[in-house]
C-alpha cells in the first residue's frame, strides 16, 4: 500500500507537535505552603527556574506535589540569611521547619520538568 506524501508529512508534524507540547517549561502539580493549620499559598504548576514566594508572613510546612524537586529559602528573593542554608525538598514529599530557625518565604524548582504531568 502506497502512502501519499502529504499524509506522511502531516503525521510527522503531528508527532513533533505532541512531543513539543509534552516538554513544557513548567512542572505539573501543586505546591502548598501553610503556617499552622492555615494554607498561606498554593502554586499550581510553578514555572521552572523562577523564584516564587509564599509571602512575607512565611510558611512552616510545604507539600511538594509536583514532578520536580524544589529548594526552599528563608528570604522572599530565593536567598538565605547569613549562616542559614536552603532546604531541598524532593518530588512528592513534604517538610516542616521543626528544628530550623525561621520560616520559608520562597522557593525555586530544581532541575528539568518531567515530560508528562504527574497528575
PDB file of N, CA and C in Angstrom:
ATOM      1  N   UNK A   1       0.836  -1.173   0.000  1.00  0.00           N
ATOM      2  CA  UNK A   1       0.000   0.000   0.000  1.00  0.00           C
ATOM      3  C   UNK A   1       0.885   1.243   0.000  1.00  0.00           C
ATOM      4  N   UNK A   2       0.574   2.158  -0.856  1.00  0.00           N
ATOM      5  CA  UNK A   2       1.359   3.374  -1.002  1.00  0.00           C
ATOM      6  C   UNK A   2       0.724   4.509  -0.177  1.00  0.00           C
ATOM      7  N   UNK A   3       1.543   5.195   0.652  1.00  0.00           N
ATOM      8  CA  UNK A   3       1.065   6.311   1.463  1.00  0.00           C
ATOM      9  C   UNK A   3       1.395   7.610   0.740  1.00  0.00           C
ATOM     10  N   UNK A   4       0.446   8.471   0.637  1.00  0.00           N
ATOM     11  CA  UNK A   4       0.670   9.743  -0.036  1.00  0.00           C
ATOM     12  C   UNK A   4       1.602  10.609   0.790  1.00  0.00           C
ATOM     13  N   UNK A   5       2.410  11.364   0.112  1.00  0.00           N
ATOM     14  CA  UNK A   5       3.400  12.218   0.755  1.00  0.00           C
ATOM     15  C   UNK A   5       2.764  13.247   1.702  1.00  0.00           C
ATOM     16  N   UNK A   6       1.699  13.957   1.337  1.00  0.00           N
ATOM     17  CA  UNK A   6       1.113  14.923   2.275  1.00  0.00           C
ATOM     18  C   UNK A   6       0.644  14.272   3.580  1.00  0.00           C
ATOM     19  N   UNK A   7       0.120  13.057   3.489  1.00  0.00           N
ATOM     20  CA  UNK A   7      -0.322  12.364   4.693  1.00  0.00           C
ATOM     21  C   UNK A   7       0.869  12.012   5.578  1.00  0.00           C
ATOM     22  N   UNK A   8       1.959  11.572   4.992  1.00  0.00           N
ATOM     23  CA  UNK A   8       3.165  11.235   5.749  1.00  0.00           C
ATOM     24  C   UNK A   8       3.734  12.478   6.432  1.00  0.00           C
ATOM     25  N   UNK A   9       3.751  13.592   5.731  1.00  0.00           N
ATOM     26  CA  UNK A   9       4.254  14.843   6.303  1.00  0.00           C
ATOM     27  C   UNK A   9       3.355  15.288   7.462  1.00  0.00           C
ATOM     28  N   UNK A  10       2.047  15.186   7.284  1.00  0.00           N
ATOM     29  CA  UNK A  10       1.105  15.568   8.325  1.00  0.00           C
ATOM     30  C   UNK A  10       1.294  14.715   9.585  1.00  0.00           C
ATOM     31  N   UNK A  11       1.499  13.428   9.412  1.00  0.00           N
ATOM     32  CA  UNK A  11       1.726  12.534  10.555  1.00  0.00           C
ATOM     33  C   UNK A  11       3.022  12.887  11.278  1.00  0.00           C
ATOM     34  N   UNK A  12       4.060  13.217  10.539  1.00  0.00           N
ATOM     35  CA  UNK A  12       5.341  13.593  11.147  1.00  0.00           C
ATOM     36  C   UNK A  12       5.204  14.899  11.930  1.00  0.00           C
ATOM     37  N   UNK A  13       4.484  15.872  11.374  1.00  0.00           N
ATOM     38  CA  UNK A  13       4.288  17.147  12.065  1.00  0.00           C
ATOM     39  C   UNK A  13       3.466  16.942  13.337  1.00  0.00           C
ATOM     40  N   UNK A  14       2.443  16.112  13.277  1.00  0.00           N
ATOM     41  CA  UNK A  14       1.619  15.841  14.458  1.00  0.00           C
ATOM     42  C   UNK A  14       2.444  15.205  15.566  1.00  0.00           C
ATOM     43  N   UNK A  15       3.316  14.276  15.218  1.00  0.00           N
ATOM     44  CA  UNK A  15       4.168  13.627  16.227  1.00  0.00           C
ATOM     45  C   UNK A  15       5.116  14.639  16.867  1.00  0.00           C
ATOM     46  N   UNK A  16       5.702  15.523  16.074  1.00  0.00           N
ATOM     47  CA  UNK A  16       6.588  16.550  16.620  1.00  0.00           C
ATOM     48  C   UNK A  16       5.831  17.524  17.515  1.00  0.00           C
ATOM     49  N   UNK A  17       4.630  17.904  17.122  1.00  0.00           N
ATOM     50  CA  UNK A  17       3.834  18.824  17.936  1.00  0.00           C
ATOM     51  C   UNK A  17       3.492  18.206  19.287  1.00  0.00           C
ATOM     52  N   UNK A  18       3.122  16.948  19.299  1.00  0.00           N
ATOM     53  CA  UNK A  18       2.813  16.272  20.563  1.00  0.00           C
ATOM     54  C   UNK A  18       4.045  16.168  21.442  1.00  0.00           C
ATOM     55  N   UNK A  19       5.174  15.876  20.860  1.00  0.00           N
ATOM     56  CA  UNK A  19       6.413  15.779  21.627  1.00  0.00           C
ATOM     57  C   UNK A  19       6.824  17.109  22.222  1.00  0.00           C
ATOM     58  N   UNK A  20       6.657  18.186  21.478  1.00  0.00           N
ATOM     59  CA  UNK A  20       6.998  19.514  21.965  1.00  0.00           C
ATOM     60  C   UNK A  20       6.060  19.940  23.078  1.00  0.00           C
ATOM     61  N   UNK A  21       4.788  19.653  22.953  1.00  0.00           N
ATOM     62  CA  UNK A  21       3.817  20.029  23.991  1.00  0.00           C
ATOM     63  C   UNK A  21       4.083  19.289  25.289  1.00  0.00           C
ATOM     64  N   UNK A  22       4.567  18.083  25.210  1.00  0.00           N
ATOM     65  CA  UNK A  22       4.831  17.298  26.418  1.00  0.00           C
ATOM     66  C   UNK A  22       6.021  17.832  27.191  1.00  0.00           C
ATOM     67  N   UNK A  23       6.952  18.494  26.532  1.00  0.00           N
ATOM     68  CA  UNK A  23       8.153  19.022  27.182  1.00  0.00           C
ATOM     69  C   UNK A  23       7.971  20.510  27.432  1.00  0.00           C
ATOM     70  N   UNK A  24       7.106  20.876  28.354  1.00  0.00           N
ATOM     71  CA  UNK A  24       6.828  22.279  28.624  1.00  0.00           C
ATOM     72  C   UNK A  24       7.847  22.831  29.606  1.00  0.00           C
ATOM     73  N   UNK A  25       7.780  24.139  29.852  1.00  0.00           N
ATOM     74  CA  UNK A  25       8.695  24.799  30.762  1.00  0.00           C
ATOM     75  C   UNK A  25       8.062  25.009  32.131  1.00  0.00           C
ATOM     76  N   UNK A  26       7.236  24.096  32.562  1.00  0.00           N
ATOM     77  CA  UNK A  26       6.662  24.175  33.901  1.00  0.00           C
ATOM     78  C   UNK A  26       6.610  22.783  34.497  1.00  0.00           C
ATOM     79  N   UNK A  27       6.528  22.757  35.794  1.00  0.00           N
ATOM     80  CA  UNK A  27       6.454  21.469  36.470  1.00  0.00           C
ATOM     81  C   UNK A  27       5.014  21.236  36.899  1.00  0.00           C
ATOM     82  N   UNK A  28       4.404  20.188  36.389  1.00  0.00           N
ATOM     83  CA  UNK A  28       2.999  19.921  36.667  1.00  0.00           C
ATOM     84  C   UNK A  28       2.767  19.531  38.112  1.00  0.00           C
ATOM     85  N   UNK A  29       1.709  20.032  38.685  1.00  0.00           N
ATOM     86  CA  UNK A  29       1.357  19.677  40.046  1.00  0.00           C
ATOM     87  C   UNK A  29       1.125  20.896  40.912  1.00  0.00           C
ATOM     88  N   UNK A  30       1.076  20.687  42.226  1.00  0.00           N
ATOM     89  CA  UNK A  30       0.710  21.736  43.164  1.00  0.00           C
ATOM     90  C   UNK A  30       1.691  21.778  44.330  1.00  0.00           C
ATOM     91  N   UNK A  31       2.119  22.979  44.678  1.00  0.00           N
ATOM     92  CA  UNK A  31       2.941  23.200  45.870  1.00  0.00           C
ATOM     93  C   UNK A  31       2.077  23.975  46.856  1.00  0.00           C
ATOM     94  N   UNK A  32       1.980  23.457  48.069  1.00  0.00           N
ATOM     95  CA  UNK A  32       1.155  24.088  49.101  1.00  0.00           C
ATOM     96  C   UNK A  32       2.029  24.492  50.275  1.00  0.00           C
ATOM     97  N   UNK A  33       1.964  25.767  50.641  1.00  0.00           N
ATOM     98  CA  UNK A  33       2.668  26.282  51.806  1.00  0.00           C
ATOM     99  C   UNK A  33       1.668  26.657  52.877  1.00  0.00           C
ATOM    100  N   UNK A  34       1.885  26.202  54.102  1.00  0.00           N
ATOM    101  CA  UNK A  34       0.953  26.513  55.186  1.00  0.00           C
ATOM    102  C   UNK A  34       1.712  26.949  56.433  1.00  0.00           C
ATOM    103  N   UNK A  35       0.973  27.638  57.282  1.00  0.00           N
ATOM    104  CA  UNK A  35       1.516  28.059  58.578  1.00  0.00           C
ATOM    105  C   UNK A  35       0.490  27.649  59.619  1.00  0.00           C
ATOM    106  N   UNK A  36       0.897  26.713  60.462  1.00  0.00           N
ATOM    107  CA  UNK A  36      -0.066  26.129  61.393  1.00  0.00           C
ATOM    108  C   UNK A  36      -1.094  25.344  60.599  1.00  0.00           C
ATOM    109  N   UNK A  37      -2.361  25.629  60.829  1.00  0.00           N
ATOM    110  CA  UNK A  37      -3.424  24.938  60.107  1.00  0.00           C
ATOM    111  C   UNK A  37      -3.938  25.752  58.916  1.00  0.00           C
ATOM    112  N   UNK A  38      -3.359  26.920  58.681  1.00  0.00           N
ATOM    113  CA  UNK A  38      -3.828  27.812  57.627  1.00  0.00           C
ATOM    114  C   UNK A  38      -2.978  27.678  56.372  1.00  0.00           C
ATOM    115  N   UNK A  39      -3.617  27.433  55.238  1.00  0.00           N
ATOM    116  CA  UNK A  39      -2.908  27.413  53.957  1.00  0.00           C
ATOM    117  C   UNK A  39      -2.611  28.855  53.571  1.00  0.00           C
ATOM    118  N   UNK A  40      -1.350  29.181  53.415  1.00  0.00           N
ATOM    119  CA  UNK A  40      -0.939  30.534  53.065  1.00  0.00           C
ATOM    120  C   UNK A  40      -0.999  30.743  51.561  1.00  0.00           C
ATOM    121  N   UNK A  41      -0.500  29.770  50.804  1.00  0.00           N
ATOM    122  CA  UNK A  41      -0.485  29.908  49.346  1.00  0.00           C
ATOM    123  C   UNK A  41      -0.357  28.546  48.693  1.00  0.00           C
ATOM    124  N   UNK A  42      -1.057  28.387  47.554  1.00  0.00           N
ATOM    125  CA  UNK A  42      -0.924  27.206  46.714  1.00  0.00           C
ATOM    126  C   UNK A  42      -0.476  27.676  45.334  1.00  0.00           C
ATOM    127  N   UNK A  43       0.554  27.042  44.807  1.00  0.00           N
ATOM    128  CA  UNK A  43       1.081  27.387  43.494  1.00  0.00           C
ATOM    129  C   UNK A  43       0.894  26.183  42.589  1.00  0.00           C
ATOM    130  N   UNK A  44       0.117  26.354  41.530  1.00  0.00           N
ATOM    131  CA  UNK A  44      -0.157  25.275  40.585  1.00  0.00           C
ATOM    132  C   UNK A  44       0.819  25.357  39.420  1.00  0.00           C
ATOM    133  N   UNK A  45       1.511  24.281  39.127  1.00  0.00           N
ATOM    134  CA  UNK A  45       2.474  24.189  38.024  1.00  0.00           C
ATOM    135  C   UNK A  45       3.462  25.350  38.034  1.00  0.00           C
ATOM    136  N   UNK A  46       4.354  25.416  39.035  1.00  0.00           N
ATOM    137  CA  UNK A  46       5.310  26.518  39.107  1.00  0.00           C
ATOM    138  C   UNK A  46       6.244  26.533  37.900  1.00  0.00           C
ATOM    139  N   UNK A  47       6.622  27.726  37.483  1.00  0.00           N
ATOM    140  CA  UNK A  47       7.487  27.896  36.320  1.00  0.00           C
ATOM    141  C   UNK A  47       8.913  27.499  36.686  1.00  0.00           C
ATOM    142  N   UNK A  48       9.543  26.723  35.814  1.00  0.00           N
ATOM    143  CA  UNK A  48      10.905  26.258  36.028  1.00  0.00           C
ATOM    144  C   UNK A  48      11.877  27.435  36.053  1.00  0.00           C
ATOM    145  N   UNK A  49      12.874  27.371  36.925  1.00  0.00           N
ATOM    146  CA  UNK A  49      13.925  28.389  37.061  1.00  0.00           C
ATOM    147  C   UNK A  49      13.361  29.759  37.409  1.00  0.00           C
ATOM    148  N   UNK A  50      12.285  29.803  38.184  1.00  0.00           N
ATOM    149  CA  UNK A  50      11.665  31.063  38.576  1.00  0.00           C
ATOM    150  C   UNK A  50      11.443  31.057  40.078  1.00  0.00           C
ATOM    151  N   UNK A  51      11.918  32.107  40.758  1.00  0.00           N
ATOM    152  CA  UNK A  51      11.716  32.234  42.195  1.00  0.00           C
ATOM    153  C   UNK A  51      10.272  32.625  42.454  1.00  0.00           C
ATOM    154  N   UNK A  52       9.611  31.895  43.339  1.00  0.00           N
ATOM    155  CA  UNK A  52       8.224  32.181  43.681  1.00  0.00           C
ATOM    156  C   UNK A  52       8.090  32.261  45.192  1.00  0.00           C
ATOM    157  N   UNK A  53       7.321  33.232  45.660  1.00  0.00           N
ATOM    158  CA  UNK A  53       7.231  33.483  47.092  1.00  0.00           C
ATOM    159  C   UNK A  53       5.972  32.950  47.738  1.00  0.00           C
ATOM    160  N   UNK A  54       6.089  32.667  49.040  1.00  0.00           N
ATOM    161  CA  UNK A  54       4.935  32.301  49.845  1.00  0.00           C
ATOM    162  C   UNK A  54       4.356  33.543  50.526  1.00  0.00           C
ATOM    163  N   UNK A  55       5.031  34.667  50.431  1.00  0.00           N
ATOM    164  CA  UNK A  55       4.583  35.910  51.044  1.00  0.00           C
ATOM    165  C   UNK A  55       5.459  36.269  52.229  1.00  0.00           C
ATOM    166  N   UNK A  56       5.367  37.522  52.674  1.00  0.00           N
ATOM    167  CA  UNK A  56       6.230  37.986  53.766  1.00  0.00           C
ATOM    168  C   UNK A  56       5.959  37.300  55.105  1.00  0.00           C
ATOM    169  N   UNK A  57       4.764  36.725  55.267  1.00  0.00           N
ATOM    170  CA  UNK A  57       4.447  36.022  56.514  1.00  0.00           C
ATOM    171  C   UNK A  57       5.283  34.755  56.637  1.00  0.00           C
ATOM    172  N   UNK A  58       5.491  34.043  55.532  1.00  0.00           N
ATOM    173  CA  UNK A  58       6.251  32.808  55.532  1.00  0.00           C
ATOM    174  C   UNK A  58       5.401  31.600  55.891  1.00  0.00           C
ATOM    175  N   UNK A  59       5.961  30.440  55.685  1.00  0.00           N
ATOM    176  CA  UNK A  59       5.264  29.183  55.969  1.00  0.00           C
ATOM    177  C   UNK A  59       6.172  28.266  56.781  1.00  0.00           C
ATOM    178  N   UNK A  60       5.547  27.382  57.556  1.00  0.00           N
ATOM    179  CA  UNK A  60       6.340  26.421  58.330  1.00  0.00           C
ATOM    180  C   UNK A  60       6.171  24.990  57.835  1.00  0.00           C
ATOM    181  N   UNK A  61       5.343  24.807  56.787  1.00  0.00           N
ATOM    182  CA  UNK A  61       5.153  23.477  56.190  1.00  0.00           C
ATOM    183  C   UNK A  61       4.923  23.641  54.694  1.00  0.00           C
ATOM    184  N   UNK A  62       5.597  22.786  53.914  1.00  0.00           N
ATOM    185  CA  UNK A  62       5.451  22.813  52.457  1.00  0.00           C
ATOM    186  C   UNK A  62       5.224  21.389  51.969  1.00  0.00           C
ATOM    187  N   UNK A  63       4.236  21.235  51.083  1.00  0.00           N
ATOM    188  CA  UNK A  63       3.952  19.952  50.438  1.00  0.00           C
ATOM    189  C   UNK A  63       4.241  20.127  48.958  1.00  0.00           C
ATOM    190  N   UNK A  64       5.130  19.288  48.425  1.00  0.00           N
ATOM    191  CA  UNK A  64       5.537  19.357  47.023  1.00  0.00           C
ATOM    192  C   UNK A  64       4.874  18.217  46.247  1.00  0.00           C
ATOM    193  N   UNK A  65       3.755  18.498  45.614  1.00  0.00           N
ATOM    194  CA  UNK A  65       3.071  17.509  44.782  1.00  0.00           C
ATOM    195  C   UNK A  65       3.299  17.812  43.306  1.00  0.00           C
ATOM    196  N   UNK A  66       4.544  18.034  42.940  1.00  0.00           N
ATOM    197  CA  UNK A  66       4.907  18.285  41.548  1.00  0.00           C
ATOM    198  C   UNK A  66       5.842  17.185  41.070  1.00  0.00           C
ATOM    199  N   UNK A  67       6.244  17.293  39.825  1.00  0.00           N
ATOM    200  CA  UNK A  67       7.166  16.314  39.256  1.00  0.00           C
ATOM    201  C   UNK A  67       8.620  16.718  39.351  1.00  0.00           C
ATOM    202  N   UNK A  68       8.917  17.844  40.018  1.00  0.00           N
ATOM    203  CA  UNK A  68      10.312  18.282  40.164  1.00  0.00           C
ATOM    204  C   UNK A  68      10.600  18.602  41.625  1.00  0.00           C
ATOM    205  N   UNK A  69      11.865  18.535  41.975  1.00  0.00           N
ATOM    206  CA  UNK A  69      12.305  18.908  43.307  1.00  0.00           C
ATOM    207  C   UNK A  69      12.325  20.431  43.414  1.00  0.00           C
ATOM    208  N   UNK A  70      12.248  20.941  44.649  1.00  0.00           N
ATOM    209  CA  UNK A  70      12.326  22.380  44.870  1.00  0.00           C
ATOM    210  C   UNK A  70      13.320  22.679  45.976  1.00  0.00           C
ATOM    211  N   UNK A  71      13.789  23.918  46.017  1.00  0.00           N
ATOM    212  CA  UNK A  71      14.676  24.383  47.080  1.00  0.00           C
ATOM    213  C   UNK A  71      13.954  25.516  47.798  1.00  0.00           C
ATOM    214  N   UNK A  72      13.766  25.354  49.122  1.00  0.00           N
ATOM    215  CA  UNK A  72      13.052  26.324  49.950  1.00  0.00           C
ATOM    216  C   UNK A  72      14.047  27.318  50.549  1.00  0.00           C
ATOM    217  N   UNK A  73      13.642  28.597  50.594  1.00  0.00           N
ATOM    218  CA  UNK A  73      14.521  29.662  51.083  1.00  0.00           C
ATOM    219  C   UNK A  73      13.841  30.490  52.164  1.00  0.00           C
ATOM    220  N   UNK A  74      14.654  31.145  53.000  1.00  0.00           N
ATOM    221  CA  UNK A  74      14.161  31.948  54.125  1.00  0.00           C
ATOM    222  C   UNK A  74      13.823  33.389  53.718  1.00  0.00           C
ATOM    223  N   UNK A  75      14.339  33.885  52.598  1.00  0.00           N
ATOM    224  CA  UNK A  75      14.043  35.237  52.125  1.00  0.00           C
ATOM    225  C   UNK A  75      13.092  35.196  50.937  1.00  0.00           C
ATOM    226  N   UNK A  76      12.425  36.315  50.641  1.00  0.00           N
ATOM    227  CA  UNK A  76      11.464  36.392  49.542  1.00  0.00           C
ATOM    228  C   UNK A  76      12.093  36.276  48.164  1.00  0.00           C
ATOM    229  N   UNK A  77      13.406  36.531  48.043  1.00  0.00           N
ATOM    230  CA  UNK A  77      14.079  36.537  46.737  1.00  0.00           C
ATOM    231  C   UNK A  77      14.902  35.277  46.475  1.00  0.00           C
ATOM    232  N   UNK A  78      14.533  34.175  47.112  1.00  0.00           N
ATOM    233  CA  UNK A  78      15.228  32.882  46.951  1.00  0.00           C
ATOM    234  C   UNK A  78      16.689  32.945  47.386  1.00  0.00           C
ATOM    235  N   UNK A  79      16.940  33.715  48.430  1.00  0.00           N
ATOM    236  CA  UNK A  79      18.246  33.717  49.083  1.00  0.00           C
ATOM    237  C   UNK A  79      18.015  33.362  50.547  1.00  0.00           C
ATOM    238  N   UNK A  80      19.108  33.200  51.283  1.00  0.00           N
ATOM    239  CA  UNK A  80      19.003  32.860  52.695  1.00  0.00           C
ATOM    240  C   UNK A  80      19.866  33.797  53.520  1.00  0.00           C
ATOM    241  N   UNK A  81      19.449  34.095  54.760  1.00  0.00           N
ATOM    242  CA  UNK A  81      20.259  34.944  55.637  1.00  0.00           C
ATOM    243  C   UNK A  81      21.621  34.291  55.902  1.00  0.00           C
ATOM    244  N   UNK A  82      22.622  35.088  56.249  1.00  0.00           N
ATOM    245  CA  UNK A  82      23.937  34.527  56.570  1.00  0.00           C
ATOM    246  C   UNK A  82      23.831  33.464  57.665  1.00  0.00           C
ATOM    247  N   UNK A  83      24.492  32.367  57.451  1.00  0.00           N
ATOM    248  CA  UNK A  83      24.507  31.291  58.435  1.00  0.00           C
ATOM    249  C   UNK A  83      23.364  30.302  58.304  1.00  0.00           C
ATOM    250  N   UNK A  84      22.406  30.578  57.431  1.00  0.00           N
ATOM    251  CA  UNK A  84      21.299  29.647  57.220  1.00  0.00           C
ATOM    252  C   UNK A  84      21.365  29.130  55.788  1.00  0.00           C
ATOM    253  N   UNK A  85      20.970  27.893  55.604  1.00  0.00           N
ATOM    254  CA  UNK A  85      21.019  27.293  54.276  1.00  0.00           C
ATOM    255  C   UNK A  85      19.608  26.990  53.774  1.00  0.00           C
ATOM    256  N   UNK A  86      19.500  26.843  52.471  1.00  0.00           N
ATOM    257  CA  UNK A  86      18.214  26.482  51.876  1.00  0.00           C
ATOM    258  C   UNK A  86      17.900  25.019  52.200  1.00  0.00           C
ATOM    259  N   UNK A  87      16.677  24.618  51.926  1.00  0.00           N
ATOM    260  CA  UNK A  87      16.237  23.251  52.202  1.00  0.00           C
ATOM    261  C   UNK A  87      15.784  22.606  50.901  1.00  0.00           C
ATOM    262  N   UNK A  88      16.326  21.436  50.605  1.00  0.00           N
ATOM    263  CA  UNK A  88      15.999  20.710  49.379  1.00  0.00           C
ATOM    264  C   UNK A  88      14.816  19.786  49.646  1.00  0.00           C
ATOM    265  N   UNK A  89      13.740  19.974  48.881  1.00  0.00           N
ATOM    266  CA  UNK A  89      12.535  19.158  49.069  1.00  0.00           C
ATOM    267  C   UNK A  89      12.243  18.392  47.791  1.00  0.00           C
ATOM    268  N   UNK A  90      12.307  17.089  47.887  1.00  0.00           N
ATOM    269  CA  UNK A  90      12.118  16.224  46.728  1.00  0.00           C
ATOM    270  C   UNK A  90      10.682  16.154  46.243  1.00  0.00           C
ATOM    271  N   UNK A  91      10.536  15.562  45.078  1.00  0.00           N
ATOM    272  CA  UNK A  91       9.242  15.362  44.440  1.00  0.00           C
ATOM    273  C   UNK A  91       8.315  14.553  45.332  1.00  0.00           C
ATOM    274  N   UNK A  92       7.059  14.979  45.437  1.00  0.00           N
ATOM    275  CA  UNK A  92       6.002  14.281  46.181  1.00  0.00           C
ATOM    276  C   UNK A  92       6.322  14.093  47.662  1.00  0.00           C
ATOM    277  N   UNK A  93       7.062  15.048  48.246  1.00  0.00           N
ATOM    278  CA  UNK A  93       7.382  14.989  49.671  1.00  0.00           C
ATOM    279  C   UNK A  93       6.877  16.244  50.367  1.00  0.00           C
ATOM    280  N   UNK A  94       6.923  16.231  51.694  1.00  0.00           N
ATOM    281  CA  UNK A  94       6.571  17.408  52.473  1.00  0.00           C
ATOM    282  C   UNK A  94       7.639  17.614  53.542  1.00  0.00           C
ATOM    283  N   UNK A  95       7.688  18.847  54.069  1.00  0.00           N
ATOM    284  CA  UNK A  95       8.674  19.170  55.100  1.00  0.00           C
ATOM    285  C   UNK A  95       8.110  20.263  55.995  1.00  0.00           C
ATOM    286  N   UNK A  96       8.651  20.344  57.230  1.00  0.00           N
ATOM    287  CA  UNK A  96       8.304  21.449  58.113  1.00  0.00           C
ATOM    288  C   UNK A  96       9.573  22.034  58.704  1.00  0.00           C
ATOM    289  N   UNK A  97       9.452  23.199  59.322  1.00  0.00           N
ATOM    290  CA  UNK A  97      10.624  23.918  59.814  1.00  0.00           C
ATOM    291  C   UNK A  97      11.062  23.486  61.209  1.00  0.00           C
ATOM    292  N   UNK A  98      10.482  22.431  61.737  1.00  0.00           N
ATOM    293  CA  UNK A  98      10.869  21.971  63.075  1.00  0.00           C
ATOM    294  C   UNK A  98      12.376  21.753  63.125  1.00  0.00           C
ATOM    295  N   UNK A  99      13.023  22.377  64.098  1.00  0.00           N
ATOM    296  CA  UNK A  99      14.466  22.213  64.260  1.00  0.00           C
ATOM    297  C   UNK A  99      15.299  23.191  63.456  1.00  0.00           C
ATOM    298  N   UNK A 100      14.664  24.057  62.673  1.00  0.00           N
ATOM    299  CA  UNK A 100      15.408  25.076  61.918  1.00  0.00           C
ATOM    300  C   UNK A 100      14.831  26.454  62.260  1.00  0.00           C
ATOM    301  N   UNK A 101      15.690  27.457  62.397  1.00  0.00           N
ATOM    302  CA  UNK A 101      15.180  28.797  62.720  1.00  0.00           C
ATOM    303  C   UNK A 101      14.514  29.468  61.518  1.00  0.00           C
ATOM    304  N   UNK A 102      13.458  30.200  61.769  1.00  0.00           N
ATOM    305  CA  UNK A 102      12.805  30.977  60.722  1.00  0.00           C
ATOM    306  C   UNK A 102      11.804  30.191  59.893  1.00  0.00           C
ATOM    307  N   UNK A 103      11.093  30.930  59.044  1.00  0.00           N
ATOM    308  CA  UNK A 103      10.078  30.352  58.166  1.00  0.00           C
ATOM    309  C   UNK A 103      10.554  30.439  56.721  1.00  0.00           C
ATOM    310  N   UNK A 104       9.999  29.592  55.856  1.00  0.00           N
ATOM    311  CA  UNK A 104      10.320  29.647  54.437  1.00  0.00           C
ATOM    312  C   UNK A 104       9.439  30.708  53.785  1.00  0.00           C
ATOM    313  N   UNK A 105      10.058  31.543  52.950  1.00  0.00           N
ATOM    314  CA  UNK A 105       9.310  32.619  52.308  1.00  0.00           C
ATOM    315  C   UNK A 105       9.313  32.521  50.787  1.00  0.00           C
ATOM    316  N   UNK A 106      10.143  31.638  50.228  1.00  0.00           N
ATOM    317  CA  UNK A 106      10.174  31.478  48.771  1.00  0.00           C
ATOM    318  C   UNK A 106      10.729  30.110  48.413  1.00  0.00           C
ATOM    319  N   UNK A 107      10.589  29.763  47.127  1.00  0.00           N
ATOM    320  CA  UNK A 107      11.139  28.506  46.637  1.00  0.00           C
ATOM    321  C   UNK A 107      11.453  28.652  45.153  1.00  0.00           C
ATOM    322  N   UNK A 108      12.284  27.735  44.663  1.00  0.00           N
ATOM    323  CA  UNK A 108      12.607  27.676  43.242  1.00  0.00           C
ATOM    324  C   UNK A 108      12.697  26.206  42.835  1.00  0.00           C
ATOM    325  N   UNK A 109      12.054  25.838  41.711  1.00  0.00           N
ATOM    326  CA  UNK A 109      12.180  24.464  41.204  1.00  0.00           C
ATOM    327  C   UNK A 109      13.627  24.161  40.813  1.00  0.00           C
ATOM    328  N   UNK A 110      14.008  22.896  40.947  1.00  0.00           N
ATOM    329  CA  UNK A 110      15.367  22.452  40.646  1.00  0.00           C
ATOM    330  C   UNK A 110      15.311  21.433  39.526  1.00  0.00           C
ATOM    331  N   UNK A 111      16.195  21.515  38.563  1.00  0.00           N
ATOM    332  CA  UNK A 111      16.272  20.516  37.502  1.00  0.00           C
ATOM    333  C   UNK A 111      15.262  20.742  36.400  1.00  0.00           C
ATOM    334  N   UNK A 112      15.088  19.727  35.575  1.00  0.00           N
ATOM    335  CA  UNK A 112      14.186  19.806  34.439  1.00  0.00           C
ATOM    336  C   UNK A 112      12.841  19.229  34.773  1.00  0.00           C
ATOM    337  N   UNK A 113      11.769  19.774  34.201  1.00  0.00           N
ATOM    338  CA  UNK A 113      10.436  19.225  34.450  1.00  0.00           C
ATOM    339  C   UNK A 113      10.271  17.864  33.789  1.00  0.00           C
ATOM    340  N   UNK A 114       9.343  17.053  34.285  1.00  0.00           N
ATOM    341  CA  UNK A 114       9.103  15.760  33.675  1.00  0.00           C
ATOM    342  C   UNK A 114       8.413  15.944  32.323  1.00  0.00           C
ATOM    343  N   UNK A 115       8.507  14.962  31.423  1.00  0.00           N
ATOM    344  CA  UNK A 115       7.866  15.102  30.132  1.00  0.00           C
ATOM    345  C   UNK A 115       6.340  15.061  30.212  1.00  0.00           C
ATOM    346  N   UNK A 116       5.799  14.513  31.290  1.00  0.00           N
ATOM    347  CA  UNK A 116       4.355  14.396  31.440  1.00  0.00           C
ATOM    348  C   UNK A 116       3.998  14.816  32.862  1.00  0.00           C
ATOM    349  N   UNK A 117       2.898  15.516  33.045  1.00  0.00           N
ATOM    350  CA  UNK A 117       2.448  15.940  34.352  1.00  0.00           C
ATOM    351  C   UNK A 117       2.228  14.718  35.253  1.00  0.00           C
ATOM    352  N   UNK A 118       2.562  14.861  36.557  1.00  0.00           N
ATOM    353  CA  UNK A 118       2.379  13.752  37.486  1.00  0.00           C
ATOM    354  C   UNK A 118       0.933  13.594  37.904  1.00  0.00           C
ATOM    355  N   UNK A 119       0.078  14.548  37.588  1.00  0.00           N
ATOM    356  CA  UNK A 119      -1.342  14.458  37.958  1.00  0.00           C
ATOM    357  C   UNK A 119      -2.179  13.934  36.829  1.00  0.00           C
TER     358      UNK A 119
END
